[in-house]
Amino acid sequence: MGRSVDFNTSGLIGAEQRWHVDGWHARLGLDPDPRDFLPGFPPPNDLVRTFRAPAKQLLVDYFDAAYALALRYVYGLAPTDLDYEIDGDRYSSPPTIGIRLVSVGVSLAQSIGDIRYRLWMAGNGS
């Protein structure tokens, strides 16, 4: 979830991802592969299945850093900015900043649902 927020917000701002700039990849024991969160480049299933964070708090801290970046960006937008078209070279009908932000929110909601379901199935959720 942090990668999604970081990747999308950094792209909108035109800055390098916190994942690389702040060394989160190294803190979590992962390679700084610049393709690791590109559209159409999902991480290999074996990486997803075998990854174990050195400490759970690192995942929370990374998400918090990405989320803080997103908040600063969103709070700096004017309502008219939401209609600005982006990624025109990648799509036949370019999305707007508003659409991108909504799609990130939907992605986060889906991820939270998946996590909650898996915890429930494992008997770890109420």
C-alpha atoms as a PDB file:
ATOM      1  CA  MET A   1       0.000   0.000   0.000  1.00  0.00           C
ATOM      2  CA  GLY A   2       2.865   2.332   0.768  1.00  0.00           C
ATOM      3  CA  ARG A   3       4.447   1.570  -2.590  1.00  0.00           C
ATOM      4  CA  SER A   4       1.217   2.535  -4.363  1.00  0.00           C
ATOM      5  CA  VAL A   5       0.948   5.851  -2.526  1.00  0.00           C
ATOM      6  CA  ASP A   6       4.654   6.603  -2.960  1.00  0.00           C
ATOM      7  CA  PHE A   7       4.782   5.640  -6.649  1.00  0.00           C
ATOM      8  CA  ASN A   8       1.678   7.584  -7.641  1.00  0.00           C
ATOM      9  CA  THR A   9       2.306  10.683  -5.528  1.00  0.00           C
ATOM     10  CA  SER A  10       5.943  10.907  -6.599  1.00  0.00           C
ATOM     11  CA  GLY A  11       4.823  10.592 -10.212  1.00  0.00           C
ATOM     12  CA  LEU A  12       2.307  13.392  -9.827  1.00  0.00           C
ATOM     13  CA  ILE A  13       4.863  15.638  -8.157  1.00  0.00           C
ATOM     14  CA  GLY A  14       7.584  14.706 -10.630  1.00  0.00           C
ATOM     15  CA  ALA A  15       9.949  13.603  -7.879  1.00  0.00           C
ATOM     16  CA  GLU A  16      11.853  10.423  -7.134  1.00  0.00           C
ATOM     17  CA  GLN A  17      10.046   7.940  -4.908  1.00  0.00           C
ATOM     18  CA  ARG A  18      10.681   7.990  -1.164  1.00  0.00           C
ATOM     19  CA  TRP A  19      11.388   4.245  -1.580  1.00  0.00           C
ATOM     20  CA  HIS A  20      14.652   5.177  -3.299  1.00  0.00           C
ATOM     21  CA  VAL A  21      15.468   8.659  -1.976  1.00  0.00           C
ATOM     22  CA  ASP A  22      15.049   7.779   1.688  1.00  0.00           C
ATOM     23  CA  GLY A  23      16.464   4.258   1.348  1.00  0.00           C
ATOM     24  CA  TRP A  24      13.343   2.379   2.401  1.00  0.00           C
ATOM     25  CA  HIS A  25      14.273  -0.462   0.061  1.00  0.00           C
ATOM     26  CA  ALA A  26      17.544  -0.982   1.945  1.00  0.00           C
ATOM     27  CA  ARG A  27      15.876  -0.756   5.358  1.00  0.00           C
ATOM     28  CA  LEU A  28      13.519  -3.513   4.281  1.00  0.00           C
ATOM     29  CA  GLY A  29      16.290  -5.611   2.727  1.00  0.00           C
ATOM     30  CA  LEU A  30      15.121  -5.262  -0.881  1.00  0.00           C
ATOM     31  CA  ASP A  31      16.866  -4.234  -4.082  1.00  0.00           C
ATOM     32  CA  PRO A  32      16.226  -0.694  -5.356  1.00  0.00           C
ATOM     33  CA  ASP A  33      14.901  -2.009  -8.674  1.00  0.00           C
ATOM     34  CA  PRO A  34      13.475   1.069 -10.454  1.00  0.00           C
ATOM     35  CA  ARG A  35      10.971  -1.198 -12.248  1.00  0.00           C
ATOM     36  CA  ASP A  36       9.616  -2.702  -9.044  1.00  0.00           C
ATOM     37  CA  PHE A  37       6.400  -0.737  -9.145  1.00  0.00           C
ATOM     38  CA  LEU A  38       5.849   0.108 -12.764  1.00  0.00           C
ATOM     39  CA  PRO A  39       2.443  -0.584 -14.309  1.00  0.00           C
ATOM     40  CA  GLY A  40       2.428  -4.086 -15.711  1.00  0.00           C
ATOM     41  CA  PHE A  41       5.414  -5.151 -13.616  1.00  0.00           C
ATOM     42  CA  PRO A  42       3.973  -6.875 -10.565  1.00  0.00           C
ATOM     43  CA  PRO A  43       6.486  -8.279  -8.135  1.00  0.00           C
ATOM     44  CA  PRO A  44       7.168 -11.969  -8.625  1.00  0.00           C
ATOM     45  CA  ASN A  45       4.862 -14.126  -6.537  1.00  0.00           C
ATOM     46  CA  ASP A  46       7.812 -15.766  -4.808  1.00  0.00           C
ATOM     47  CA  LEU A  47       8.952 -12.350  -3.554  1.00  0.00           C
ATOM     48  CA  VAL A  48       5.463 -11.553  -2.276  1.00  0.00           C
ATOM     49  CA  ARG A  49       5.160 -14.935  -0.546  1.00  0.00           C
ATOM     50  CA  THR A  50       8.616 -14.973   1.004  1.00  0.00           C
ATOM     51  CA  PHE A  51       9.164 -11.329   1.982  1.00  0.00           C
ATOM     52  CA  ARG A  52       9.401 -10.760   5.706  1.00  0.00           C
ATOM     53  CA  ALA A  53      10.011  -7.258   6.987  1.00  0.00           C
ATOM     54  CA  PRO A  54      12.872  -6.983   9.472  1.00  0.00           C
ATOM     55  CA  ALA A  55      10.358  -5.214  11.727  1.00  0.00           C
ATOM     56  CA  LYS A  56       6.642  -4.581  11.230  1.00  0.00           C
ATOM     57  CA  GLN A  57       7.113  -0.993  12.342  1.00  0.00           C
ATOM     58  CA  LEU A  58       9.305  -0.356   9.272  1.00  0.00           C
ATOM     59  CA  LEU A  59       6.313  -1.079   7.027  1.00  0.00           C
ATOM     60  CA  VAL A  60       4.166   1.298   9.053  1.00  0.00           C
ATOM     61  CA  ASP A  61       6.878   3.960   8.996  1.00  0.00           C
ATOM     62  CA  TYR A  62       7.271   3.668   5.222  1.00  0.00           C
ATOM     63  CA  PHE A  63       3.538   3.947   4.682  1.00  0.00           C
ATOM     64  CA  ASP A  64       3.462   6.983   6.991  1.00  0.00           C
ATOM     65  CA  ALA A  65       6.274   8.650   4.986  1.00  0.00           C
ATOM     66  CA  ALA A  66       4.481   8.009   1.692  1.00  0.00           C
ATOM     67  CA  TYR A  67       1.173   9.144   3.152  1.00  0.00           C
ATOM     68  CA  ALA A  68       2.724  12.368   4.487  1.00  0.00           C
ATOM     69  CA  LEU A  69       4.045  13.086   0.987  1.00  0.00           C
ATOM     70  CA  ALA A  70       0.568  12.479  -0.447  1.00  0.00           C
ATOM     71  CA  LEU A  71      -1.089  14.738   2.129  1.00  0.00           C
ATOM     72  CA  ARG A  72       1.318  17.596   1.392  1.00  0.00           C
ATOM     73  CA  TYR A  73       0.572  17.186  -2.296  1.00  0.00           C
ATOM     74  CA  VAL A  74      -3.213  16.977  -1.947  1.00  0.00           C
ATOM     75  CA  TYR A  75      -3.405  19.903   0.470  1.00  0.00           C
ATOM     76  CA  GLY A  76      -1.482  22.003  -2.056  1.00  0.00           C
ATOM     77  CA  LEU A  77      -3.978  21.356  -4.865  1.00  0.00           C
ATOM     78  CA  ALA A  78      -6.635  23.810  -5.934  1.00  0.00           C
ATOM     79  CA  PRO A  79     -10.015  22.313  -6.925  1.00  0.00           C
ATOM     80  CA  THR A  80      -9.298  23.129 -10.570  1.00  0.00           C
ATOM     81  CA  ASP A  81      -6.051  21.115 -10.415  1.00  0.00           C
ATOM     82  CA  LEU A  82      -8.092  17.924 -10.133  1.00  0.00           C
ATOM     83  CA  ASP A  83      -9.190  18.315 -13.769  1.00  0.00           C
ATOM     84  CA  TYR A  84      -5.618  18.553 -15.120  1.00  0.00           C
ATOM     85  CA  GLU A  85      -4.910  15.685 -17.541  1.00  0.00           C
ATOM     86  CA  ILE A  86      -1.817  13.565 -16.956  1.00  0.00           C
ATOM     87  CA  ASP A  87      -0.043  10.691 -18.717  1.00  0.00           C
ATOM     88  CA  GLY A  88      -1.437  11.738 -22.101  1.00  0.00           C
ATOM     89  CA  ASP A  89       1.204   9.729 -23.903  1.00  0.00           C
ATOM     90  CA  ARG A  90       0.199   6.484 -22.142  1.00  0.00           C
ATOM     91  CA  TYR A  91      -3.563   6.527 -22.563  1.00  0.00           C
ATOM     92  CA  SER A  92      -5.985   7.265 -25.402  1.00  0.00           C
ATOM     93  CA  SER A  93      -8.163   9.125 -22.904  1.00  0.00           C
ATOM     94  CA  PRO A  94      -5.764  10.730 -20.408  1.00  0.00           C
ATOM     95  CA  PRO A  95      -6.746  10.508 -16.757  1.00  0.00           C
ATOM     96  CA  THR A  96      -6.907  13.593 -14.601  1.00  0.00           C
ATOM     97  CA  ILE A  97      -5.172  14.188 -11.300  1.00  0.00           C
ATOM     98  CA  GLY A  98      -8.540  13.631  -9.627  1.00  0.00           C
ATOM     99  CA  ILE A  99      -9.023  10.288 -11.359  1.00  0.00           C
ATOM    100  CA  ARG A 100      -5.515   9.188 -10.383  1.00  0.00           C
ATOM    101  CA  LEU A 101      -6.130  10.091  -6.741  1.00  0.00           C
ATOM    102  CA  VAL A 102      -9.430   8.207  -6.714  1.00  0.00           C
ATOM    103  CA  SER A 103      -7.805   5.158  -8.316  1.00  0.00           C
ATOM    104  CA  VAL A 104      -5.125   5.130  -5.603  1.00  0.00           C
ATOM    105  CA  GLY A 105      -7.850   5.349  -2.954  1.00  0.00           C
ATOM    106  CA  VAL A 106      -9.714   2.445  -4.545  1.00  0.00           C
ATOM    107  CA  SER A 107      -6.504   0.412  -4.685  1.00  0.00           C
ATOM    108  CA  LEU A 108      -5.882   1.058  -0.996  1.00  0.00           C
ATOM    109  CA  ALA A 109      -9.455   0.097  -0.092  1.00  0.00           C
ATOM    110  CA  GLN A 110      -9.124  -3.145  -2.043  1.00  0.00           C
ATOM    111  CA  SER A 111      -5.817  -3.939  -0.345  1.00  0.00           C
ATOM    112  CA  ILE A 112      -7.275  -3.288   3.089  1.00  0.00           C
ATOM    113  CA  GLY A 113     -10.173  -5.592   2.237  1.00  0.00           C
ATOM    114  CA  ASP A 114      -7.784  -8.331   1.110  1.00  0.00           C
ATOM    115  CA  ILE A 115      -5.722  -7.989   4.286  1.00  0.00           C
ATOM    116  CA  ARG A 116      -8.801  -8.057   6.498  1.00  0.00           C
ATOM    117  CA  TYR A 117     -10.175 -11.133   4.699  1.00  0.00           C
ATOM    118  CA  ARG A 118      -6.879 -13.012   4.989  1.00  0.00           C
ATOM    119  CA  LEU A 119      -6.640 -12.207   8.686  1.00  0.00           C
ATOM    120  CA  TRP A 120     -10.214 -13.382   9.193  1.00  0.00           C
ATOM    121  CA  MET A 121      -9.570 -16.619   7.256  1.00  0.00           C
ATOM    122  CA  ALA A 122      -6.460 -17.249   9.343  1.00  0.00           C
ATOM    123  CA  GLY A 123      -8.452 -16.724  12.539  1.00  0.00           C
ATOM    124  CA  ASN A 124      -6.566 -13.530  13.373  1.00  0.00           C
ATOM    125  CA  GLY A 125      -9.361 -11.045  12.795  1.00  0.00           C
ATOM    126  CA  SER A 126     -12.642 -10.522  14.531  1.00  0.00           C
END
